[in-house]
Amino acid sequence: MSRATGWAAGWHPAAAEPGGHGTESAQTEDRQALRRVPGLATDLTDVTEVEYRRLRLERVVLVGVWTDGSAEDAENSMAELARLAETAGSQVLEGVVQRRAKPDAATYIGSGKARELRDIVIETGADTVVCDGELSPGQLRQLEDVVKVKVVDRTALILDIFAQHASSREGKAQVELAQLSYLLPRLRGWGEAMSRSGGGIGTRMGPGETKIETDRRRIRARMAKLRRELADRESSRSTRRAARRRHQIPSVAIAGYTNAGKSSLLNRLTGAGVMVEDSLFATLDPTVRRARTPDGRVFTLTDTVGFVRHLPHQLVEAFRSTLEEVAEADLIMHVVDGAHVDPEGQVAAVREVLHAIGADDVPELLVVNKLDEADPLTTARLRRAFPGLVAVSARTGEGMDELMAAVQAALPVPSVPVHAVVPYGRGDLVSRVFEEGELTQLEHRETGTELWARVSADLAAELEPYDSATAG
């Protein structure tokens, strides 16, 4: 998918910038314009592929409202929307954007521009309009009434992608819960298929109950069931997390923008063999693997779902139990796509989600990935903006030693100093010192293994019977 690279001829971005010095007529003309964004159409070159996609894929026109920021920001947002649409399985035919102070309360882009959009839909043969924002139920309904084709917003699009990529039972339940939460206030005809699918006890309409009320009741009942299922699964996850805490194994959560290369980085560091593909939201289910710092300490690495600008709050709520792996980690490895056109924007979007899940206070290690593809000037700019970042390439392995050294330095250090002579029959304790503690010296004696280390309070208590003073 080619990124949008320019704007319609004759339009003057400077006149439209907030605080700009363009003439009043130019500003008025700009506000009234519905400008096409070049470079967003999906390129299909293989005839077989064209025929296949014509049968299966929706043909979409993208529309956005630019309210603030620069022209480049608006362009990047529309390019990302095109990538999302293609990931969902759509063929992008056209992209248009309008400069407004705020989206129109009735039709998102205004009634006049909605009629212009209808002309574009007819001209291109589109069957769907995708809006770059979350629309209210009223906006969706009124825009559909004008353009006469299906209208979906950015939130519904992202939910659809998650639904396609969910593979585990928990992931599917989380996505379904998010979809139902989104659809409930927008229920209009969608519930008919559900109401036709069954009947019997608990599904018949009560006195004075309308069909849509029955559908809403069914949806709420389904949501309650999904919440119970997810609560049960969270209990088992909490048990595993508590076991790791009990053994004082530090945890590192890999977080970042979707398609930044998080799974590739996990594979490079641990040999996990997690699926990697050039696709948005390829990873939905968390993967936990063990790794070792250069000095031998064991820690866990957790790959998490990718974030995106304006990640639907329904998804954040539905995936909250999974995202707690991030909030409860000892360190967040925040992966940034160094080859992206707006890496700073990605950092801001990810930090916004981290704030939403209560992970603000977790130490963060910024890792710029795809160093082999990134512009050196971009990398230098990021180093100035974010001191302490580590630049790596998960593909080539460049920078991995520096990354592991940074992880070792950032992980919490065991606090209790011990000096013990551990009998050879208790090699399990020595192994735990290697894995969980910070070993400074080790010698083999006739009576056992003498070691000096810093360990957790729990492990220090288990080593107390073998304290060197007592053993001596």
Protein backbone atom coordinates (compact mmCIF):
# COMPACT_ATOMS: atom_id res chain seq x y z
CA MET A 1 0.00 0.00 0.00
CA SER A 2 1.50 3.25 -1.08
CA ARG A 3 1.39 6.08 1.39
CA ALA A 4 -0.41 9.33 0.57
CA THR A 5 2.23 11.63 -0.84
CA GLY A 6 0.49 14.86 -1.61
CA TRP A 7 -2.68 16.88 -1.81
CA ALA A 8 -4.96 18.11 -4.56
CA ALA A 9 -3.50 20.74 -6.83
CA GLY A 10 -4.57 24.28 -6.13
CA TRP A 11 -4.95 23.84 -2.39
CA HIS A 12 -2.66 25.80 -0.10
CA PRO A 13 -1.81 24.07 3.21
CA ALA A 14 -0.35 27.26 4.71
CA ALA A 15 -3.71 28.98 4.46
CA ALA A 16 -5.32 26.16 6.37
CA GLU A 17 -2.87 25.85 9.21
CA PRO A 18 -4.18 27.01 12.59
CA GLY A 19 -2.77 30.48 13.07
CA GLY A 20 -1.79 30.67 9.39
CA HIS A 21 -1.69 33.94 7.44
CA GLY A 22 -3.67 32.97 4.33
CA THR A 23 -6.38 35.22 2.96
CA GLU A 24 -9.89 34.95 4.34
CA SER A 25 -11.23 33.75 0.97
CA ALA A 26 -8.58 31.02 0.77
CA GLN A 27 -9.43 29.86 4.28
CA THR A 28 -13.13 29.82 3.46
CA GLU A 29 -12.52 27.86 0.27
CA ASP A 30 -10.37 25.40 2.18
CA ARG A 31 -12.98 24.88 4.88
CA GLN A 32 -15.59 24.12 2.24
CA ALA A 33 -13.42 21.74 0.22
CA LEU A 34 -13.60 17.97 0.20
CA ARG A 35 -10.10 17.19 -1.04
CA ARG A 36 -9.00 13.89 -2.50
CA VAL A 37 -5.90 12.30 -1.03
CA PRO A 38 -3.67 10.80 -3.75
CA GLY A 39 -1.82 7.54 -3.28
CA LEU A 40 -4.35 5.62 -1.19
CA ALA A 41 -5.83 3.32 -3.83
CA THR A 42 -4.96 -0.35 -3.41
CA ASP A 43 -2.69 -1.49 -6.22
CA LEU A 44 -3.81 -4.76 -7.82
CA THR A 45 -1.60 -5.91 -10.68
CA ASP A 46 -2.28 -9.63 -10.95
CA VAL A 47 -5.46 -10.38 -12.92
CA THR A 48 -6.17 -13.51 -10.91
CA GLU A 49 -5.89 -11.48 -7.72
CA VAL A 50 -8.28 -8.87 -9.12
CA GLU A 51 -10.91 -11.50 -9.89
CA TYR A 52 -10.48 -13.10 -6.48
CA ARG A 53 -10.74 -9.81 -4.62
CA ARG A 54 -13.70 -8.69 -6.69
CA LEU A 55 -15.62 -11.66 -5.34
CA ARG A 56 -14.58 -11.38 -1.71
CA LEU A 57 -13.48 -7.90 -0.78
CA GLU A 58 -15.43 -4.75 -0.12
CA ARG A 59 -14.62 -1.75 -2.27
CA VAL A 60 -14.18 1.22 0.03
CA VAL A 61 -13.82 4.99 -0.05
CA LEU A 62 -12.01 6.54 2.91
CA VAL A 63 -13.07 9.88 4.38
CA GLY A 64 -11.41 11.89 7.14
CA VAL A 65 -11.91 15.18 8.94
CA TRP A 66 -8.75 17.16 9.69
CA THR A 67 -9.30 19.28 12.78
CA ASP A 68 -5.79 20.03 14.04
CA GLY A 69 -2.12 19.28 13.48
CA SER A 70 -0.19 19.62 10.25
CA ALA A 71 -1.05 18.50 6.73
CA GLU A 72 1.48 15.69 7.16
CA ASP A 73 -0.33 14.49 10.30
CA ALA A 74 -3.62 14.31 8.40
CA GLU A 75 -1.90 12.53 5.53
CA ASN A 76 -0.32 9.96 7.85
CA SER A 77 -3.64 9.30 9.56
CA MET A 78 -5.37 8.63 6.23
CA ALA A 79 -2.50 6.40 5.08
CA GLU A 80 -2.85 4.38 8.28
CA LEU A 81 -6.62 4.12 7.74
CA ALA A 82 -5.93 2.75 4.25
CA ARG A 83 -3.56 0.15 5.74
CA LEU A 84 -6.20 -0.83 8.28
CA ALA A 85 -8.84 -1.18 5.56
CA GLU A 86 -6.55 -3.39 3.50
CA THR A 87 -5.70 -5.50 6.54
CA ALA A 88 -9.44 -6.02 7.05
CA GLY A 89 -9.65 -7.31 3.47
CA SER A 90 -10.92 -4.26 1.59
CA GLN A 91 -9.87 -2.72 -1.69
CA VAL A 92 -9.26 1.02 -1.24
CA LEU A 93 -10.59 2.98 -4.21
CA GLU A 94 -10.32 6.57 -3.05
CA GLY A 95 -9.44 8.71 -0.04
CA VAL A 96 -10.80 12.18 0.72
CA VAL A 97 -10.31 14.53 3.64
CA GLN A 98 -12.02 17.72 4.75
CA ARG A 99 -10.61 20.57 6.84
CA ARG A 100 -13.07 21.50 9.59
CA ALA A 101 -12.88 22.97 13.07
CA LYS A 102 -14.69 19.84 14.33
CA PRO A 103 -16.67 16.96 12.78
CA ASP A 104 -20.25 17.79 11.85
CA ALA A 105 -22.63 16.59 14.56
CA ALA A 106 -25.12 15.23 12.04
CA THR A 107 -23.20 13.63 9.16
CA TYR A 108 -19.53 13.90 10.25
CA ILE A 109 -18.57 15.93 7.14
CA GLY A 110 -21.64 18.13 6.68
CA SER A 111 -24.67 17.60 4.47
CA GLY A 112 -23.20 19.28 1.37
CA LYS A 113 -19.97 17.32 1.55
CA ALA A 114 -21.94 14.14 2.21
CA ARG A 115 -23.68 14.65 -1.15
CA GLU A 116 -20.26 15.16 -2.79
CA LEU A 117 -19.13 11.94 -1.14
CA ARG A 118 -22.17 10.22 -2.62
CA ASP A 119 -21.03 11.31 -6.09
CA ILE A 120 -17.56 9.85 -5.44
CA VAL A 121 -19.15 6.56 -4.29
CA ILE A 122 -21.15 6.36 -7.51
CA GLU A 123 -18.14 7.31 -9.62
CA THR A 124 -15.85 4.68 -8.09
CA GLY A 125 -18.43 1.94 -7.63
CA ALA A 126 -17.70 1.67 -3.91
CA ASP A 127 -19.97 -0.30 -1.60
CA THR A 128 -18.61 0.99 1.72
CA VAL A 129 -17.46 4.28 3.22
CA VAL A 130 -14.87 4.12 6.03
CA CYS A 131 -14.56 7.18 8.31
CA ASP A 132 -11.35 8.07 10.11
CA GLY A 133 -12.89 8.50 13.55
CA GLU A 134 -15.52 7.03 15.86
CA LEU A 135 -18.98 8.15 14.75
CA SER A 136 -22.04 8.37 16.95
CA PRO A 137 -25.06 6.17 16.10
CA GLY A 138 -26.80 9.26 14.70
CA GLN A 139 -23.87 10.22 12.49
CA LEU A 140 -23.63 6.71 11.07
CA ARG A 141 -27.33 6.57 10.32
CA GLN A 142 -27.56 10.01 8.72
CA LEU A 143 -24.41 9.59 6.62
CA GLU A 144 -25.68 6.24 5.35
CA ASP A 145 -29.00 7.88 4.42
CA VAL A 146 -27.11 10.30 2.15
CA VAL A 147 -24.42 8.11 0.57
CA LYS A 148 -26.75 5.08 0.22
CA VAL A 149 -24.02 2.54 1.04
CA LYS A 150 -22.75 0.99 4.25
CA VAL A 151 -20.75 3.33 6.52
CA VAL A 152 -18.27 2.04 9.09
CA ASP A 153 -15.98 4.04 11.35
CA ARG A 154 -12.38 3.50 12.45
CA THR A 155 -13.46 1.72 15.64
CA ALA A 156 -15.61 -0.83 13.80
CA LEU A 157 -12.77 -1.40 11.33
CA ILE A 158 -10.23 -2.15 14.07
CA LEU A 159 -12.72 -4.43 15.83
CA ASP A 160 -13.21 -6.32 12.56
CA ILE A 161 -9.45 -6.82 12.18
CA PHE A 162 -9.21 -8.12 15.75
CA ALA A 163 -12.09 -10.52 15.06
CA GLN A 164 -10.26 -11.90 12.00
CA HIS A 165 -6.98 -12.40 13.88
CA ALA A 166 -8.26 -13.79 17.20
CA SER A 167 -7.31 -17.47 17.46
CA SER A 168 -7.44 -18.52 21.11
CA ARG A 169 -10.70 -18.98 22.97
CA GLU A 170 -9.83 -16.10 25.28
CA GLY A 171 -8.89 -13.81 22.40
CA LYS A 172 -12.14 -14.55 20.61
CA ALA A 173 -14.14 -13.87 23.76
CA GLN A 174 -12.34 -10.57 24.34
CA VAL A 175 -12.98 -9.41 20.77
CA GLU A 176 -16.63 -10.48 20.83
CA LEU A 177 -17.15 -8.59 24.09
CA ALA A 178 -15.61 -5.45 22.56
CA GLN A 179 -17.76 -5.79 19.43
CA LEU A 180 -20.97 -6.22 21.41
CA SER A 181 -20.09 -3.25 23.61
CA TYR A 182 -19.63 -1.15 20.47
CA LEU A 183 -22.74 -2.45 18.68
CA LEU A 184 -25.21 -2.24 21.57
CA PRO A 185 -25.89 1.53 21.34
CA ARG A 186 -25.83 1.28 17.53
CA LEU A 187 -28.31 -1.58 17.26
CA ARG A 188 -30.43 -0.98 14.20
CA GLY A 189 -31.39 -4.02 12.20
CA TRP A 190 -28.18 -5.85 13.14
CA GLY A 191 -30.05 -7.79 15.81
CA GLU A 192 -32.49 -9.32 13.32
CA ALA A 193 -30.15 -12.17 12.45
CA MET A 194 -29.65 -12.92 16.13
CA SER A 195 -33.39 -12.89 16.86
CA ARG A 196 -34.12 -15.25 13.95
CA SER A 197 -31.56 -17.78 15.12
CA GLY A 198 -33.53 -19.22 18.00
CA GLY A 199 -36.42 -19.01 20.41
CA GLY A 200 -37.91 -20.71 23.39
CA ILE A 201 -37.57 -20.08 27.11
CA GLY A 202 -35.94 -16.76 27.92
CA THR A 203 -36.09 -15.44 24.37
CA ARG A 204 -39.76 -14.65 23.86
CA MET A 205 -40.90 -11.06 24.01
CA GLY A 206 -42.59 -9.98 27.20
CA PRO A 207 -45.69 -7.80 27.37
CA GLY A 208 -45.01 -4.51 25.66
CA GLU A 209 -41.41 -5.47 24.76
CA THR A 210 -40.35 -4.41 21.29
CA LYS A 211 -38.12 -6.52 19.07
CA ILE A 212 -35.10 -4.21 19.47
CA GLU A 213 -35.48 -4.38 23.26
CA THR A 214 -35.42 -8.18 23.02
CA ASP A 215 -32.26 -8.02 20.92
CA ARG A 216 -30.61 -5.67 23.41
CA ARG A 217 -31.54 -8.02 26.25
CA ARG A 218 -29.96 -10.96 24.40
CA ILE A 219 -26.80 -8.96 23.73
CA ARG A 220 -26.49 -7.90 27.37
CA ALA A 221 -26.93 -11.53 28.47
CA ARG A 222 -24.19 -12.61 26.06
CA MET A 223 -21.88 -9.86 27.32
CA ALA A 224 -22.43 -10.98 30.92
CA LYS A 225 -21.54 -14.56 29.97
CA LEU A 226 -18.37 -13.44 28.19
CA ARG A 227 -17.31 -11.36 31.20
CA ARG A 228 -17.71 -14.42 33.44
CA GLU A 229 -15.62 -16.56 31.08
CA LEU A 230 -12.86 -13.94 30.94
CA ALA A 231 -12.89 -13.56 34.73
CA ASP A 232 -12.31 -17.32 35.09
CA ARG A 233 -9.38 -17.20 32.68
CA GLU A 234 -7.91 -14.18 34.43
CA SER A 235 -7.91 -16.18 37.67
CA SER A 236 -5.61 -18.84 36.15
CA ARG A 237 -3.36 -16.16 34.65
CA SER A 238 -3.10 -14.44 38.03
CA THR A 239 -2.08 -17.75 39.60
CA ARG A 240 0.77 -18.18 37.10
CA ARG A 241 1.82 -14.57 37.61
CA ALA A 242 1.85 -15.06 41.39
CA ALA A 243 4.06 -18.13 40.99
CA ARG A 244 6.60 -16.11 39.04
CA ARG A 245 6.47 -13.38 41.67
CA ARG A 246 6.95 -15.94 44.42
CA HIS A 247 10.20 -17.06 42.80
CA GLN A 248 11.19 -13.42 42.24
CA ILE A 249 11.56 -13.80 38.47
CA PRO A 250 11.63 -10.31 36.93
CA SER A 251 9.22 -9.67 34.07
CA VAL A 252 9.67 -7.60 30.92
CA ALA A 253 6.62 -6.72 28.80
CA ILE A 254 7.13 -5.95 25.11
CA ALA A 255 4.73 -3.19 24.13
CA GLY A 256 4.51 -0.94 21.13
CA TYR A 257 2.67 0.15 18.03
CA THR A 258 1.18 -2.54 15.84
CA ASN A 259 3.63 -3.92 13.25
CA ALA A 260 6.64 -2.38 15.04
CA GLY A 261 8.35 -5.78 15.14
CA LYS A 262 7.58 -6.92 18.72
CA SER A 263 7.16 -10.60 17.83
CA SER A 264 10.31 -10.53 15.71
CA LEU A 265 12.21 -9.09 18.66
CA LEU A 266 10.82 -11.78 20.98
CA ASN A 267 11.92 -14.47 18.53
CA ARG A 268 15.40 -12.95 18.23
CA LEU A 269 15.87 -12.76 22.02
CA THR A 270 14.34 -16.13 22.99
CA GLY A 271 13.95 -18.26 19.85
CA ALA A 272 10.24 -18.41 20.69
CA GLY A 273 9.08 -19.16 17.14
CA VAL A 274 6.12 -16.79 17.41
CA MET A 275 4.32 -16.12 14.10
CA VAL A 276 5.63 -13.02 12.36
CA GLU A 277 3.96 -11.34 9.40
CA ASP A 278 3.85 -7.88 7.85
CA SER A 279 0.33 -7.24 9.06
CA LEU A 280 -1.43 -5.02 11.57
CA PHE A 281 -2.48 -6.75 14.80
CA ALA A 282 -0.93 -10.10 13.82
CA THR A 283 -0.45 -10.88 17.54
CA LEU A 284 -3.47 -10.78 19.85
CA ASP A 285 -2.69 -13.49 22.41
CA PRO A 286 0.14 -12.80 24.88
CA THR A 287 3.19 -15.06 24.64
CA VAL A 288 5.46 -15.52 27.67
CA ARG A 289 9.02 -16.84 27.25
CA ARG A 290 12.11 -17.01 29.44
CA ALA A 291 15.37 -15.24 28.70
CA ARG A 292 18.64 -14.55 30.51
CA THR A 293 20.55 -11.37 31.14
CA PRO A 294 24.28 -11.35 30.26
CA ASP A 295 25.10 -12.11 33.91
CA GLY A 296 22.83 -15.19 33.89
CA ARG A 297 19.69 -13.92 35.64
CA VAL A 298 16.42 -15.36 34.34
CA PHE A 299 13.55 -13.03 33.40
CA THR A 300 10.31 -13.43 31.47
CA LEU A 301 9.52 -11.68 28.18
CA THR A 302 5.84 -11.16 27.34
CA ASP A 303 4.73 -10.24 23.81
CA THR A 304 1.49 -8.25 23.90
CA VAL A 305 -1.15 -6.94 21.51
CA GLY A 306 -0.06 -4.00 19.39
CA PHE A 307 -1.42 -0.52 19.98
CA VAL A 308 -2.62 2.06 17.46
CA ARG A 309 -3.79 5.67 17.45
CA HIS A 310 -7.27 5.98 18.93
CA LEU A 311 -7.34 2.35 20.02
CA PRO A 312 -11.06 1.73 20.72
CA HIS A 313 -11.81 2.01 24.42
CA GLN A 314 -14.00 -1.10 24.06
CA LEU A 315 -10.88 -3.08 23.18
CA VAL A 316 -8.87 -1.60 26.03
CA GLU A 317 -11.61 -2.65 28.46
CA ALA A 318 -12.07 -6.12 26.94
CA PHE A 319 -8.31 -6.78 26.86
CA ARG A 320 -7.67 -5.18 30.25
CA SER A 321 -6.88 -8.52 31.93
CA THR A 322 -4.33 -9.30 29.20
CA LEU A 323 -2.87 -5.81 29.30
CA GLU A 324 -2.32 -6.16 33.05
CA GLU A 325 0.75 -8.20 32.05
CA VAL A 326 2.16 -4.84 30.96
CA ALA A 327 0.98 -2.85 33.98
CA GLU A 328 2.44 -5.40 36.44
CA ALA A 329 5.78 -5.87 34.68
CA ASP A 330 9.10 -4.77 36.16
CA LEU A 331 10.09 -3.18 32.84
CA ILE A 332 8.29 -2.19 29.64
CA MET A 333 10.31 -2.73 26.47
CA HIS A 334 8.61 -0.09 24.29
CA VAL A 335 9.31 -1.03 20.66
CA VAL A 336 9.15 1.71 18.01
CA ASP A 337 9.19 1.24 14.23
CA GLY A 338 12.25 3.24 13.22
CA ALA A 339 11.29 3.00 9.54
CA HIS A 340 7.84 4.55 10.05
CA VAL A 341 7.13 8.04 8.74
CA ASP A 342 6.04 9.27 12.18
CA PRO A 343 7.78 7.30 14.96
CA GLU A 344 7.25 10.13 17.48
CA GLY A 345 3.51 9.89 16.87
CA GLN A 346 3.67 6.16 17.52
CA VAL A 347 5.47 6.74 20.83
CA ALA A 348 2.79 9.22 21.91
CA ALA A 349 -0.04 6.84 20.94
CA VAL A 350 1.48 3.92 22.86
CA ARG A 351 2.10 6.01 25.95
CA GLU A 352 -1.53 7.15 25.83
CA VAL A 353 -2.67 3.52 26.04
CA LEU A 354 -0.11 2.75 28.78
CA HIS A 355 -1.62 5.61 30.77
CA ALA A 356 -5.13 4.20 30.21
CA ILE A 357 -4.15 0.81 31.69
CA GLY A 358 -2.30 2.30 34.65
CA ALA A 359 1.23 1.48 33.50
CA ASP A 360 2.63 5.01 33.78
CA ASP A 361 4.89 4.16 36.72
CA VAL A 362 6.50 1.07 35.19
CA PRO A 363 10.09 1.77 34.03
CA GLU A 364 10.30 2.07 30.25
CA LEU A 365 13.12 1.10 27.90
CA LEU A 366 12.59 2.64 24.45
CA VAL A 367 13.78 0.33 21.66
CA VAL A 368 13.88 1.60 18.08
CA ASN A 369 13.54 -1.44 15.81
CA LYS A 370 14.15 -1.93 12.06
CA LEU A 371 17.50 -0.14 12.21
CA ASP A 372 18.41 -1.84 8.92
CA GLU A 373 15.51 -0.01 7.19
CA ALA A 374 15.45 3.27 9.11
CA ASP A 375 16.79 6.57 7.79
CA PRO A 376 19.95 7.42 9.80
CA LEU A 377 18.67 10.99 10.16
CA THR A 378 15.45 9.69 11.73
CA THR A 379 17.42 7.51 14.13
CA ALA A 380 19.63 10.47 15.11
CA ARG A 381 16.53 12.63 15.66
CA LEU A 382 14.99 9.96 17.90
CA ARG A 383 18.21 9.66 19.94
CA ARG A 384 18.06 13.41 20.62
CA ALA A 385 14.36 13.29 21.50
CA PHE A 386 14.57 10.17 23.69
CA PRO A 387 17.93 9.91 25.49
CA GLY A 388 18.75 6.38 26.57
CA LEU A 389 16.98 4.60 23.73
CA VAL A 390 18.49 1.49 22.17
CA ALA A 391 18.47 1.06 18.37
CA VAL A 392 18.29 -2.52 17.07
CA SER A 393 17.33 -4.66 14.12
CA ALA A 394 15.41 -7.81 15.00
CA ARG A 395 16.01 -9.01 11.44
CA THR A 396 19.82 -8.77 11.41
CA GLY A 397 20.54 -8.95 15.15
CA GLU A 398 22.29 -5.58 15.21
CA GLY A 399 22.21 -3.90 18.62
CA MET A 400 21.06 -7.00 20.56
CA ASP A 401 24.05 -7.03 22.92
CA GLU A 402 23.42 -3.39 23.80
CA LEU A 403 19.73 -4.16 24.32
CA MET A 404 20.37 -7.05 26.71
CA ALA A 405 22.86 -4.96 28.66
CA ALA A 406 20.23 -2.22 28.99
CA VAL A 407 17.63 -4.76 30.18
CA GLN A 408 20.08 -6.11 32.76
CA ALA A 409 20.77 -2.61 34.08
CA ALA A 410 17.06 -1.73 34.25
CA LEU A 411 15.77 -4.83 36.05
CA PRO A 412 15.38 -4.63 39.83
CA VAL A 413 18.38 -5.90 41.78
CA PRO A 414 17.87 -8.47 44.62
CA SER A 415 18.26 -6.71 47.93
CA VAL A 416 19.49 -9.23 50.55
CA PRO A 417 23.23 -10.07 50.70
CA VAL A 418 24.03 -13.69 51.61
CA HIS A 419 27.20 -15.71 52.26
CA ALA A 420 26.40 -19.39 52.52
CA VAL A 421 27.93 -22.85 52.17
CA VAL A 422 25.25 -24.93 50.45
CA PRO A 423 25.56 -28.73 50.70
CA TYR A 424 26.04 -30.49 47.37
CA GLY A 425 22.73 -32.24 47.92
CA ARG A 426 20.94 -28.87 47.65
CA GLY A 427 21.98 -27.98 44.14
CA ASP A 428 18.44 -26.69 43.59
CA LEU A 429 19.20 -23.73 45.86
CA VAL A 430 22.41 -22.95 43.99
CA SER A 431 20.50 -23.06 40.72
CA ARG A 432 17.94 -20.60 42.09
CA VAL A 433 20.72 -18.25 43.14
CA PHE A 434 22.04 -18.34 39.58
CA GLU A 435 18.59 -17.75 38.08
CA GLU A 436 17.00 -15.35 40.54
CA GLY A 437 19.88 -13.64 42.30
CA GLU A 438 23.04 -11.73 41.58
CA LEU A 439 26.02 -14.01 42.16
CA THR A 440 29.28 -12.23 42.97
CA GLN A 441 31.58 -15.13 43.93
CA LEU A 442 31.45 -18.93 44.09
CA GLU A 443 33.94 -21.55 45.41
CA HIS A 444 33.68 -25.32 45.86
CA ARG A 445 34.54 -26.64 49.35
CA GLU A 446 34.60 -30.14 50.81
CA THR A 447 31.31 -29.53 52.58
CA GLY A 448 29.49 -27.80 49.74
CA THR A 449 29.31 -24.77 47.46
CA GLU A 450 30.33 -21.51 49.09
CA LEU A 451 28.73 -18.50 47.48
CA TRP A 452 28.38 -14.79 47.93
CA ALA A 453 25.30 -13.23 46.32
CA ARG A 454 22.38 -10.85 46.58
CA VAL A 455 19.00 -12.57 46.54
CA SER A 456 15.35 -11.96 47.37
CA ALA A 457 14.12 -12.09 50.96
CA ASP A 458 12.32 -15.41 50.32
CA LEU A 459 15.42 -17.11 48.93
CA ALA A 460 17.59 -15.62 51.68
CA ALA A 461 15.32 -17.27 54.24
CA GLU A 462 15.80 -20.66 52.56
CA LEU A 463 19.58 -20.15 52.55
CA GLU A 464 19.72 -19.09 56.20
CA PRO A 465 20.38 -22.62 57.59
CA TYR A 466 23.53 -22.69 55.46
CA ASP A 467 24.84 -19.29 56.51
CA SER A 468 28.66 -19.36 56.36
CA ALA A 469 29.04 -18.26 59.98
CA THR A 470 26.83 -21.13 61.15
CA ALA A 471 28.46 -23.57 58.74
CA GLY A 472 31.91 -22.60 59.85
